[in-house]
Amino acid sequence: MTTARRSDATRAAILEAARERFASDGYDRATIRAIARDAGIDPSMVMRYYGNKEGLFAAASEIEISLPELGSLPARHIGAVLVTHFLERWERDETLTAMLRVSVTNAAGAERMRQVFAEQLGPVTRGVCPDPAEAAHRAALVSSQILGLALTRYVLRLPPAVEMTPEEIVAWLGPTVQRYLTAEAP
């Protein structure tokens, strides 16, 4: 194995261990030593690649929510498409759940989650809402629904939220997200 591939494999192992450790222990209790032990490497390697715990957290919390292109959709379908997209992402990506857990207990985690949603959901909202001046407020309302669902379904695991099928969630939540994005302001 070349040095570059070994380096990539080491980085990947560190990030995977960090995501799991941050998710289980939270930011404050997660340690470089524990993360290194989980990755099967010396703690100095974590420091070599990421500098410190903050640098490691920033790298481990890089999230691309990969929102679908909404401009070509009929406006009446946008809410359902977004809810479906987020459900699929939460179902297959433990990083999002880990970030949510960290964000409710740690200022750095909360800031990272704010950045992700502002940078990635903000432009989508501006592109579909009737008044771009309201986009930030509308994006916040959409985020409240998406993050609230994720918190109840994937973190707190409230039985009624867990028991609902994705289709049921889209049927209930899609119209609300749709209204937040495209309805005239009250």
N, C-alpha and C. Protein backbone atom coordinates (compact mmCIF):
# COMPACT_ATOMS: atom_id res chain seq x y z
N MET A 1 0.85 -1.18 0.00
CA MET A 1 0.00 0.00 0.00
C MET A 1 0.89 1.23 0.00
N THR A 2 0.57 2.21 -0.85
CA THR A 2 1.37 3.42 -0.91
C THR A 2 1.14 4.27 0.32
N THR A 3 2.05 5.18 0.55
CA THR A 3 1.92 6.08 1.70
C THR A 3 0.65 6.91 1.60
N ALA A 4 0.31 7.37 0.41
CA ALA A 4 -0.90 8.18 0.24
C ALA A 4 -2.15 7.38 0.58
N ARG A 5 -2.21 6.12 0.12
CA ARG A 5 -3.38 5.30 0.42
C ARG A 5 -3.45 4.97 1.90
N ARG A 6 -2.30 4.72 2.51
CA ARG A 6 -2.27 4.43 3.94
C ARG A 6 -2.72 5.67 4.73
N SER A 7 -2.28 6.84 4.28
CA SER A 7 -2.68 8.09 4.92
C SER A 7 -4.19 8.30 4.79
N ASP A 8 -4.75 8.05 3.60
CA ASP A 8 -6.19 8.18 3.39
C ASP A 8 -6.96 7.20 4.27
N ALA A 9 -6.46 5.97 4.38
CA ALA A 9 -7.12 4.96 5.21
C ALA A 9 -7.07 5.37 6.68
N THR A 10 -5.95 5.93 7.12
CA THR A 10 -5.82 6.37 8.50
C THR A 10 -6.77 7.52 8.78
N ARG A 11 -6.82 8.48 7.89
CA ARG A 11 -7.75 9.61 8.05
C ARG A 11 -9.19 9.11 8.12
N ALA A 12 -9.55 8.19 7.24
CA ALA A 12 -10.92 7.66 7.23
C ALA A 12 -11.23 6.95 8.54
N ALA A 13 -10.27 6.17 9.05
CA ALA A 13 -10.49 5.47 10.32
C ALA A 13 -10.65 6.46 11.47
N ILE A 14 -9.86 7.50 11.46
CA ILE A 14 -9.95 8.53 12.51
C ILE A 14 -11.32 9.21 12.45
N LEU A 15 -11.73 9.61 11.27
CA LEU A 15 -13.02 10.31 11.14
C LEU A 15 -14.18 9.41 11.53
N GLU A 16 -14.14 8.15 11.14
CA GLU A 16 -15.22 7.23 11.53
C GLU A 16 -15.26 7.07 13.04
N ALA A 17 -14.10 6.88 13.66
CA ALA A 17 -14.04 6.74 15.12
C ALA A 17 -14.50 8.02 15.80
N ALA A 18 -14.10 9.16 15.25
CA ALA A 18 -14.49 10.45 15.84
C ALA A 18 -16.00 10.65 15.77
N ARG A 19 -16.60 10.35 14.64
CA ARG A 19 -18.05 10.51 14.51
C ARG A 19 -18.78 9.64 15.52
N GLU A 20 -18.35 8.41 15.64
CA GLU A 20 -18.99 7.50 16.59
C GLU A 20 -18.79 7.97 18.03
N ARG A 21 -17.58 8.40 18.34
CA ARG A 21 -17.28 8.84 19.71
C ARG A 21 -18.01 10.13 20.04
N PHE A 22 -18.02 11.09 19.12
CA PHE A 22 -18.76 12.34 19.37
C PHE A 22 -20.25 12.04 19.54
N ALA A 23 -20.77 11.11 18.75
CA ALA A 23 -22.19 10.76 18.85
C ALA A 23 -22.50 10.09 20.18
N SER A 24 -21.64 9.20 20.63
CA SER A 24 -21.94 8.46 21.86
C SER A 24 -21.59 9.24 23.12
N ASP A 25 -20.49 9.97 23.10
CA ASP A 25 -20.01 10.65 24.30
C ASP A 25 -20.30 12.14 24.33
N GLY A 26 -20.63 12.71 23.18
CA GLY A 26 -20.77 14.15 23.10
C GLY A 26 -19.39 14.78 22.91
N TYR A 27 -19.39 16.03 22.53
CA TYR A 27 -18.13 16.71 22.24
C TYR A 27 -17.24 16.80 23.48
N ASP A 28 -17.81 17.23 24.59
CA ASP A 28 -17.00 17.49 25.78
C ASP A 28 -16.34 16.24 26.34
N ARG A 29 -17.04 15.12 26.34
CA ARG A 29 -16.49 13.89 26.93
C ARG A 29 -15.64 13.09 25.97
N ALA A 30 -15.79 13.29 24.68
CA ALA A 30 -14.97 12.58 23.71
C ALA A 30 -13.53 13.06 23.84
N THR A 31 -12.60 12.13 23.84
CA THR A 31 -11.19 12.49 23.95
C THR A 31 -10.41 12.01 22.74
N ILE A 32 -9.32 12.69 22.47
CA ILE A 32 -8.43 12.29 21.39
C ILE A 32 -7.92 10.88 21.64
N ARG A 33 -7.58 10.57 22.89
CA ARG A 33 -7.09 9.23 23.23
C ARG A 33 -8.12 8.15 22.90
N ALA A 34 -9.37 8.38 23.29
CA ALA A 34 -10.41 7.39 23.03
C ALA A 34 -10.65 7.23 21.53
N ILE A 35 -10.64 8.33 20.82
CA ILE A 35 -10.85 8.28 19.37
C ILE A 35 -9.70 7.53 18.71
N ALA A 36 -8.48 7.82 19.12
CA ALA A 36 -7.31 7.12 18.57
C ALA A 36 -7.39 5.62 18.88
N ARG A 37 -7.77 5.29 20.10
CA ARG A 37 -7.89 3.88 20.49
C ARG A 37 -8.94 3.19 19.60
N ASP A 38 -10.08 3.86 19.39
CA ASP A 38 -11.13 3.30 18.55
C ASP A 38 -10.65 3.10 17.11
N ALA A 39 -9.79 3.99 16.64
CA ALA A 39 -9.27 3.91 15.27
C ALA A 39 -8.08 2.97 15.17
N GLY A 40 -7.57 2.52 16.31
CA GLY A 40 -6.43 1.60 16.31
C GLY A 40 -5.12 2.28 15.95
N ILE A 41 -4.98 3.53 16.36
CA ILE A 41 -3.74 4.28 16.06
C ILE A 41 -3.27 5.01 17.30
N ASP A 42 -2.10 5.58 17.22
CA ASP A 42 -1.54 6.38 18.30
C ASP A 42 -2.20 7.76 18.29
N PRO A 43 -2.47 8.33 19.47
CA PRO A 43 -3.09 9.67 19.53
C PRO A 43 -2.30 10.75 18.77
N SER A 44 -1.00 10.59 18.68
CA SER A 44 -0.20 11.59 17.97
C SER A 44 -0.60 11.67 16.49
N MET A 45 -1.11 10.57 15.93
CA MET A 45 -1.54 10.59 14.53
C MET A 45 -2.79 11.46 14.35
N VAL A 46 -3.67 11.42 15.33
CA VAL A 46 -4.86 12.27 15.28
C VAL A 46 -4.42 13.73 15.28
N MET A 47 -3.49 14.05 16.16
CA MET A 47 -2.99 15.42 16.24
C MET A 47 -2.26 15.81 14.96
N ARG A 48 -1.53 14.89 14.37
CA ARG A 48 -0.79 15.17 13.14
C ARG A 48 -1.76 15.57 12.02
N TYR A 49 -2.85 14.82 11.89
CA TYR A 49 -3.77 15.08 10.79
C TYR A 49 -4.74 16.23 11.06
N TYR A 50 -5.16 16.40 12.32
CA TYR A 50 -6.23 17.35 12.59
C TYR A 50 -5.87 18.46 13.56
N GLY A 51 -4.68 18.44 14.13
CA GLY A 51 -4.20 19.52 14.97
C GLY A 51 -4.69 19.48 16.39
N ASN A 52 -6.00 19.43 16.59
CA ASN A 52 -6.57 19.41 17.93
C ASN A 52 -8.00 18.88 17.85
N LYS A 53 -8.64 18.83 18.97
CA LYS A 53 -10.00 18.28 19.03
C LYS A 53 -10.96 19.12 18.19
N GLU A 54 -10.81 20.43 18.20
CA GLU A 54 -11.68 21.29 17.42
C GLU A 54 -11.53 21.02 15.93
N GLY A 55 -10.28 20.86 15.49
CA GLY A 55 -10.03 20.55 14.08
C GLY A 55 -10.60 19.20 13.68
N LEU A 56 -10.47 18.24 14.58
CA LEU A 56 -11.02 16.91 14.33
C LEU A 56 -12.55 16.98 14.25
N PHE A 57 -13.14 17.71 15.18
CA PHE A 57 -14.60 17.84 15.17
C PHE A 57 -15.08 18.49 13.88
N ALA A 58 -14.40 19.54 13.46
CA ALA A 58 -14.79 20.23 12.22
C ALA A 58 -14.73 19.27 11.04
N ALA A 59 -13.67 18.47 10.96
CA ALA A 59 -13.55 17.51 9.86
C ALA A 59 -14.59 16.40 9.96
N ALA A 60 -14.84 15.92 11.17
CA ALA A 60 -15.80 14.83 11.37
C ALA A 60 -17.22 15.29 11.13
N SER A 61 -17.46 16.58 11.24
CA SER A 61 -18.82 17.09 11.10
C SER A 61 -19.07 17.71 9.73
N GLU A 62 -18.18 17.47 8.78
CA GLU A 62 -18.44 17.94 7.42
C GLU A 62 -19.62 17.15 6.90
N ILE A 63 -20.67 17.86 6.57
CA ILE A 63 -21.89 17.21 6.11
C ILE A 63 -22.34 17.87 4.83
N GLU A 64 -22.57 17.07 3.85
CA GLU A 64 -23.16 17.55 2.60
C GLU A 64 -24.55 16.95 2.55
N ILE A 65 -25.57 17.79 2.70
CA ILE A 65 -26.92 17.26 2.72
C ILE A 65 -27.47 17.03 1.31
N SER A 66 -26.71 17.44 0.31
CA SER A 66 -27.00 17.11 -1.09
C SER A 66 -28.47 17.30 -1.45
N LEU A 67 -28.94 18.50 -1.27
CA LEU A 67 -30.35 18.79 -1.58
C LEU A 67 -30.62 18.61 -3.06
N PRO A 68 -31.80 18.10 -3.39
CA PRO A 68 -32.14 17.94 -4.80
C PRO A 68 -32.38 19.29 -5.47
N GLU A 69 -32.23 19.31 -6.76
CA GLU A 69 -32.51 20.52 -7.54
C GLU A 69 -34.02 20.72 -7.56
N LEU A 70 -34.49 21.83 -7.03
CA LEU A 70 -35.93 22.05 -6.90
C LEU A 70 -36.50 22.95 -7.99
N GLY A 71 -35.64 23.65 -8.69
CA GLY A 71 -36.12 24.63 -9.67
C GLY A 71 -36.99 24.05 -10.77
N SER A 72 -36.76 22.81 -11.14
CA SER A 72 -37.53 22.21 -12.23
C SER A 72 -38.80 21.51 -11.76
N LEU A 73 -38.99 21.43 -10.45
CA LEU A 73 -40.18 20.77 -9.90
C LEU A 73 -41.39 21.70 -9.90
N PRO A 74 -42.57 21.13 -10.07
CA PRO A 74 -43.77 21.95 -9.82
C PRO A 74 -43.74 22.39 -8.36
N ALA A 75 -44.07 23.62 -8.11
CA ALA A 75 -43.96 24.19 -6.76
C ALA A 75 -44.74 23.37 -5.73
N ARG A 76 -45.82 22.77 -6.11
CA ARG A 76 -46.65 22.03 -5.15
C ARG A 76 -45.98 20.76 -4.62
N HIS A 77 -44.88 20.33 -5.23
CA HIS A 77 -44.19 19.10 -4.81
C HIS A 77 -42.95 19.35 -3.96
N ILE A 78 -42.55 20.57 -3.80
CA ILE A 78 -41.29 20.89 -3.14
C ILE A 78 -41.24 20.38 -1.69
N GLY A 79 -42.27 20.60 -0.92
CA GLY A 79 -42.28 20.16 0.47
C GLY A 79 -42.11 18.66 0.60
N ALA A 80 -42.87 17.90 -0.18
CA ALA A 80 -42.77 16.44 -0.13
C ALA A 80 -41.39 15.96 -0.57
N VAL A 81 -40.83 16.58 -1.60
CA VAL A 81 -39.50 16.19 -2.08
C VAL A 81 -38.45 16.45 -1.01
N LEU A 82 -38.51 17.60 -0.35
CA LEU A 82 -37.54 17.90 0.70
C LEU A 82 -37.67 16.96 1.89
N VAL A 83 -38.88 16.71 2.35
CA VAL A 83 -39.07 15.80 3.49
C VAL A 83 -38.57 14.41 3.12
N THR A 84 -38.91 13.93 1.94
CA THR A 84 -38.43 12.62 1.48
C THR A 84 -36.91 12.59 1.46
N HIS A 85 -36.32 13.63 0.92
CA HIS A 85 -34.85 13.69 0.85
C HIS A 85 -34.23 13.60 2.23
N PHE A 86 -34.72 14.40 3.17
CA PHE A 86 -34.14 14.39 4.51
C PHE A 86 -34.36 13.05 5.21
N LEU A 87 -35.52 12.46 5.05
CA LEU A 87 -35.75 11.14 5.64
C LEU A 87 -34.74 10.12 5.11
N GLU A 88 -34.55 10.13 3.81
CA GLU A 88 -33.59 9.19 3.21
C GLU A 88 -32.18 9.45 3.74
N ARG A 89 -31.80 10.71 3.89
CA ARG A 89 -30.47 11.04 4.42
C ARG A 89 -30.31 10.59 5.86
N TRP A 90 -31.31 10.85 6.70
CA TRP A 90 -31.22 10.45 8.10
C TRP A 90 -31.18 8.93 8.21
N GLU A 91 -31.91 8.24 7.35
CA GLU A 91 -31.96 6.78 7.41
C GLU A 91 -30.61 6.15 7.07
N ARG A 92 -29.86 6.75 6.18
CA ARG A 92 -28.62 6.11 5.70
C ARG A 92 -27.34 6.75 6.22
N ASP A 93 -27.44 7.85 6.95
CA ASP A 93 -26.22 8.57 7.31
C ASP A 93 -26.18 8.85 8.81
N GLU A 94 -25.43 8.03 9.52
CA GLU A 94 -25.31 8.20 10.97
C GLU A 94 -24.60 9.51 11.34
N THR A 95 -23.87 10.09 10.41
CA THR A 95 -23.18 11.35 10.71
C THR A 95 -24.18 12.43 11.07
N LEU A 96 -25.29 12.47 10.38
CA LEU A 96 -26.31 13.48 10.68
C LEU A 96 -26.87 13.29 12.08
N THR A 97 -27.14 12.05 12.45
CA THR A 97 -27.65 11.78 13.79
C THR A 97 -26.60 12.14 14.84
N ALA A 98 -25.37 11.79 14.58
CA ALA A 98 -24.29 12.13 15.50
C ALA A 98 -24.18 13.64 15.67
N MET A 99 -24.25 14.36 14.56
CA MET A 99 -24.16 15.82 14.63
C MET A 99 -25.33 16.41 15.40
N LEU A 100 -26.51 15.85 15.22
CA LEU A 100 -27.66 16.36 15.94
C LEU A 100 -27.48 16.15 17.44
N ARG A 101 -27.00 14.98 17.83
CA ARG A 101 -26.77 14.72 19.25
C ARG A 101 -25.77 15.72 19.83
N VAL A 102 -24.69 15.92 19.11
CA VAL A 102 -23.66 16.85 19.59
C VAL A 102 -24.20 18.28 19.61
N SER A 103 -24.98 18.64 18.61
CA SER A 103 -25.44 20.03 18.49
C SER A 103 -26.38 20.44 19.62
N VAL A 104 -27.08 19.50 20.22
CA VAL A 104 -27.99 19.89 21.30
C VAL A 104 -27.29 20.02 22.64
N THR A 105 -26.03 19.59 22.72
CA THR A 105 -25.31 19.67 23.99
C THR A 105 -24.03 20.48 23.93
N ASN A 106 -23.65 20.94 22.76
CA ASN A 106 -22.35 21.59 22.62
C ASN A 106 -22.44 22.79 21.69
N ALA A 107 -21.84 23.90 22.09
CA ALA A 107 -21.90 25.13 21.30
C ALA A 107 -21.24 24.96 19.93
N ALA A 108 -20.10 24.26 19.88
CA ALA A 108 -19.43 24.06 18.59
C ALA A 108 -20.29 23.21 17.67
N GLY A 109 -20.94 22.20 18.23
CA GLY A 109 -21.83 21.36 17.44
C GLY A 109 -23.03 22.13 16.94
N ALA A 110 -23.59 22.97 17.79
CA ALA A 110 -24.74 23.78 17.39
C ALA A 110 -24.35 24.74 16.27
N GLU A 111 -23.19 25.35 16.40
CA GLU A 111 -22.72 26.27 15.37
C GLU A 111 -22.51 25.54 14.05
N ARG A 112 -21.95 24.35 14.11
CA ARG A 112 -21.73 23.57 12.89
C ARG A 112 -23.05 23.23 12.21
N MET A 113 -24.05 22.83 13.00
CA MET A 113 -25.35 22.50 12.44
C MET A 113 -26.00 23.75 11.84
N ARG A 114 -25.85 24.90 12.50
CA ARG A 114 -26.37 26.15 11.94
C ARG A 114 -25.72 26.45 10.59
N GLN A 115 -24.42 26.26 10.51
CA GLN A 115 -23.71 26.51 9.25
C GLN A 115 -24.20 25.60 8.14
N VAL A 116 -24.33 24.32 8.45
CA VAL A 116 -24.77 23.36 7.43
C VAL A 116 -26.12 23.77 6.87
N PHE A 117 -27.07 24.07 7.76
CA PHE A 117 -28.40 24.41 7.28
C PHE A 117 -28.42 25.78 6.60
N ALA A 118 -27.68 26.75 7.11
CA ALA A 118 -27.66 28.07 6.47
C ALA A 118 -27.01 28.01 5.09
N GLU A 119 -25.90 27.30 4.99
CA GLU A 119 -25.17 27.24 3.72
C GLU A 119 -25.86 26.38 2.68
N GLN A 120 -26.57 25.35 3.12
CA GLN A 120 -27.12 24.41 2.16
C GLN A 120 -28.63 24.55 1.96
N LEU A 121 -29.37 24.85 3.01
CA LEU A 121 -30.82 25.01 2.87
C LEU A 121 -31.17 26.45 2.49
N GLY A 122 -30.38 27.40 2.94
CA GLY A 122 -30.65 28.81 2.65
C GLY A 122 -30.79 29.12 1.17
N PRO A 123 -29.83 28.73 0.34
CA PRO A 123 -29.95 29.02 -1.09
C PRO A 123 -31.16 28.36 -1.75
N VAL A 124 -31.49 27.15 -1.33
CA VAL A 124 -32.66 26.46 -1.87
C VAL A 124 -33.92 27.25 -1.53
N THR A 125 -33.99 27.70 -0.30
CA THR A 125 -35.17 28.46 0.14
C THR A 125 -35.29 29.75 -0.64
N ARG A 126 -34.18 30.46 -0.81
CA ARG A 126 -34.22 31.71 -1.58
C ARG A 126 -34.71 31.48 -3.01
N GLY A 127 -34.39 30.31 -3.55
CA GLY A 127 -34.77 30.01 -4.92
C GLY A 127 -36.24 29.68 -5.13
N VAL A 128 -36.95 29.33 -4.06
CA VAL A 128 -38.35 28.90 -4.24
C VAL A 128 -39.37 29.75 -3.51
N CYS A 129 -38.97 30.55 -2.54
CA CYS A 129 -39.97 31.31 -1.79
C CYS A 129 -40.39 32.55 -2.57
N PRO A 130 -41.62 33.02 -2.34
CA PRO A 130 -42.14 34.14 -3.11
C PRO A 130 -41.40 35.46 -2.87
N ASP A 131 -40.84 35.64 -1.69
CA ASP A 131 -40.12 36.87 -1.37
C ASP A 131 -38.76 36.51 -0.80
N PRO A 132 -37.69 36.65 -1.58
CA PRO A 132 -36.36 36.27 -1.11
C PRO A 132 -35.94 36.96 0.20
N ALA A 133 -36.56 38.10 0.51
CA ALA A 133 -36.24 38.78 1.77
C ALA A 133 -36.71 37.95 2.98
N GLU A 134 -37.65 37.04 2.75
CA GLU A 134 -38.16 36.20 3.83
C GLU A 134 -37.46 34.84 3.89
N ALA A 135 -36.51 34.61 3.03
CA ALA A 135 -35.90 33.28 2.89
C ALA A 135 -35.28 32.77 4.18
N ALA A 136 -34.60 33.61 4.92
CA ALA A 136 -33.94 33.15 6.15
C ALA A 136 -34.98 32.68 7.17
N HIS A 137 -36.08 33.42 7.29
CA HIS A 137 -37.13 33.02 8.23
C HIS A 137 -37.77 31.71 7.79
N ARG A 138 -38.01 31.59 6.50
CA ARG A 138 -38.63 30.38 5.97
C ARG A 138 -37.69 29.19 6.13
N ALA A 139 -36.42 29.38 5.89
CA ALA A 139 -35.45 28.29 6.07
C ALA A 139 -35.41 27.86 7.53
N ALA A 140 -35.52 28.81 8.45
CA ALA A 140 -35.53 28.47 9.88
C ALA A 140 -36.76 27.63 10.22
N LEU A 141 -37.90 27.97 9.64
CA LEU A 141 -39.11 27.20 9.89
C LEU A 141 -38.99 25.79 9.32
N VAL A 142 -38.45 25.67 8.12
CA VAL A 142 -38.23 24.35 7.53
C VAL A 142 -37.27 23.55 8.40
N SER A 143 -36.19 24.19 8.83
CA SER A 143 -35.21 23.51 9.70
C SER A 143 -35.86 23.02 10.98
N SER A 144 -36.78 23.83 11.54
CA SER A 144 -37.43 23.41 12.78
C SER A 144 -38.20 22.12 12.58
N GLN A 145 -38.81 21.95 11.44
CA GLN A 145 -39.56 20.73 11.17
C GLN A 145 -38.63 19.55 10.91
N ILE A 146 -37.62 19.76 10.09
CA ILE A 146 -36.69 18.68 9.73
C ILE A 146 -35.89 18.23 10.95
N LEU A 147 -35.34 19.20 11.68
CA LEU A 147 -34.55 18.84 12.86
C LEU A 147 -35.43 18.30 13.99
N GLY A 148 -36.64 18.83 14.11
CA GLY A 148 -37.56 18.31 15.12
C GLY A 148 -37.92 16.86 14.84
N LEU A 149 -38.19 16.56 13.59
CA LEU A 149 -38.47 15.18 13.21
C LEU A 149 -37.26 14.29 13.50
N ALA A 150 -36.08 14.74 13.10
CA ALA A 150 -34.87 13.94 13.33
C ALA A 150 -34.63 13.71 14.82
N LEU A 151 -34.84 14.73 15.61
CA LEU A 151 -34.64 14.59 17.05
C LEU A 151 -35.61 13.56 17.63
N THR A 152 -36.87 13.65 17.26
CA THR A 152 -37.85 12.72 17.85
C THR A 152 -37.73 11.31 17.28
N ARG A 153 -37.37 11.18 16.02
CA ARG A 153 -37.31 9.86 15.38
C ARG A 153 -35.97 9.15 15.57
N TYR A 154 -34.85 9.88 15.48
CA TYR A 154 -33.54 9.23 15.46
C TYR A 154 -32.72 9.40 16.73
N VAL A 155 -33.00 10.41 17.52
CA VAL A 155 -32.23 10.61 18.75
C VAL A 155 -33.06 10.17 19.95
N LEU A 156 -34.20 10.79 20.16
CA LEU A 156 -35.05 10.42 21.30
C LEU A 156 -35.79 9.10 21.05
N ARG A 157 -35.97 8.78 19.78
CA ARG A 157 -36.64 7.54 19.37
C ARG A 157 -38.02 7.39 20.02
N LEU A 158 -38.80 8.47 19.96
CA LEU A 158 -40.17 8.42 20.47
C LEU A 158 -40.94 7.38 19.65
N PRO A 159 -41.56 6.40 20.31
CA PRO A 159 -42.20 5.30 19.58
C PRO A 159 -43.14 5.74 18.46
N PRO A 160 -44.05 6.69 18.66
CA PRO A 160 -44.93 7.05 17.53
C PRO A 160 -44.15 7.60 16.33
N ALA A 161 -43.09 8.34 16.57
CA ALA A 161 -42.29 8.88 15.47
C ALA A 161 -41.51 7.78 14.76
N VAL A 162 -41.01 6.81 15.52
CA VAL A 162 -40.25 5.70 14.94
C VAL A 162 -41.18 4.77 14.16
N GLU A 163 -42.39 4.59 14.66
CA GLU A 163 -43.33 3.65 14.04
C GLU A 163 -43.92 4.13 12.72
N MET A 164 -43.93 5.44 12.51
CA MET A 164 -44.50 5.96 11.27
C MET A 164 -43.65 5.55 10.07
N THR A 165 -44.31 5.24 8.98
CA THR A 165 -43.58 4.93 7.75
C THR A 165 -43.10 6.25 7.13
N PRO A 166 -42.10 6.17 6.28
CA PRO A 166 -41.67 7.39 5.59
C PRO A 166 -42.83 8.04 4.81
N GLU A 167 -43.68 7.23 4.22
CA GLU A 167 -44.80 7.77 3.46
C GLU A 167 -45.75 8.56 4.36
N GLU A 168 -46.00 8.05 5.57
CA GLU A 168 -46.86 8.76 6.51
C GLU A 168 -46.23 10.09 6.93
N ILE A 169 -44.94 10.06 7.18
CA ILE A 169 -44.25 11.29 7.58
C ILE A 169 -44.31 12.32 6.46
N VAL A 170 -44.06 11.89 5.24
CA VAL A 170 -44.12 12.82 4.10
C VAL A 170 -45.53 13.38 3.96
N ALA A 171 -46.54 12.53 4.14
CA ALA A 171 -47.92 13.00 4.02
C ALA A 171 -48.26 14.04 5.07
N TRP A 172 -47.76 13.87 6.28
CA TRP A 172 -48.03 14.84 7.35
C TRP A 172 -47.14 16.08 7.26
N LEU A 173 -45.86 15.87 7.06
CA LEU A 173 -44.90 16.96 7.16
C LEU A 173 -44.71 17.71 5.84
N GLY A 174 -44.86 17.03 4.72
CA GLY A 174 -44.66 17.67 3.42
C GLY A 174 -45.48 18.93 3.23
N PRO A 175 -46.80 18.91 3.53
CA PRO A 175 -47.59 20.13 3.35
C PRO A 175 -47.14 21.29 4.25
N THR A 176 -46.66 20.97 5.43
CA THR A 176 -46.18 22.02 6.33
C THR A 176 -44.93 22.68 5.76
N VAL A 177 -43.98 21.85 5.33
CA VAL A 177 -42.75 22.38 4.72
C VAL A 177 -43.10 23.15 3.45
N GLN A 178 -44.03 22.61 2.68
CA GLN A 178 -44.48 23.28 1.46
C GLN A 178 -45.01 24.68 1.78
N ARG A 179 -45.84 24.78 2.78
CA ARG A 179 -46.41 26.08 3.17
C ARG A 179 -45.31 27.04 3.60
N TYR A 180 -44.36 26.54 4.40
CA TYR A 180 -43.27 27.41 4.84
C TYR A 180 -42.48 27.96 3.66
N LEU A 181 -42.31 27.17 2.63
CA LEU A 181 -41.49 27.58 1.51
C LEU A 181 -42.21 28.44 0.49
N THR A 182 -43.47 28.13 0.21
CA THR A 182 -44.10 28.75 -0.97
C THR A 182 -45.35 29.58 -0.70
N ALA A 183 -45.95 29.46 0.47
CA ALA A 183 -47.18 30.22 0.73
C ALA A 183 -46.86 31.70 0.95
N GLU A 184 -47.85 32.52 0.69
CA GLU A 184 -47.70 33.94 0.99
C GLU A 184 -47.53 34.10 2.50
N ALA A 185 -46.80 35.10 2.90
CA ALA A 185 -46.58 35.35 4.33
C ALA A 185 -47.90 35.69 5.01
N PRO A 186 -48.08 35.24 6.27
CA PRO A 186 -49.32 35.56 6.97
C PRO A 186 -49.43 37.05 7.26
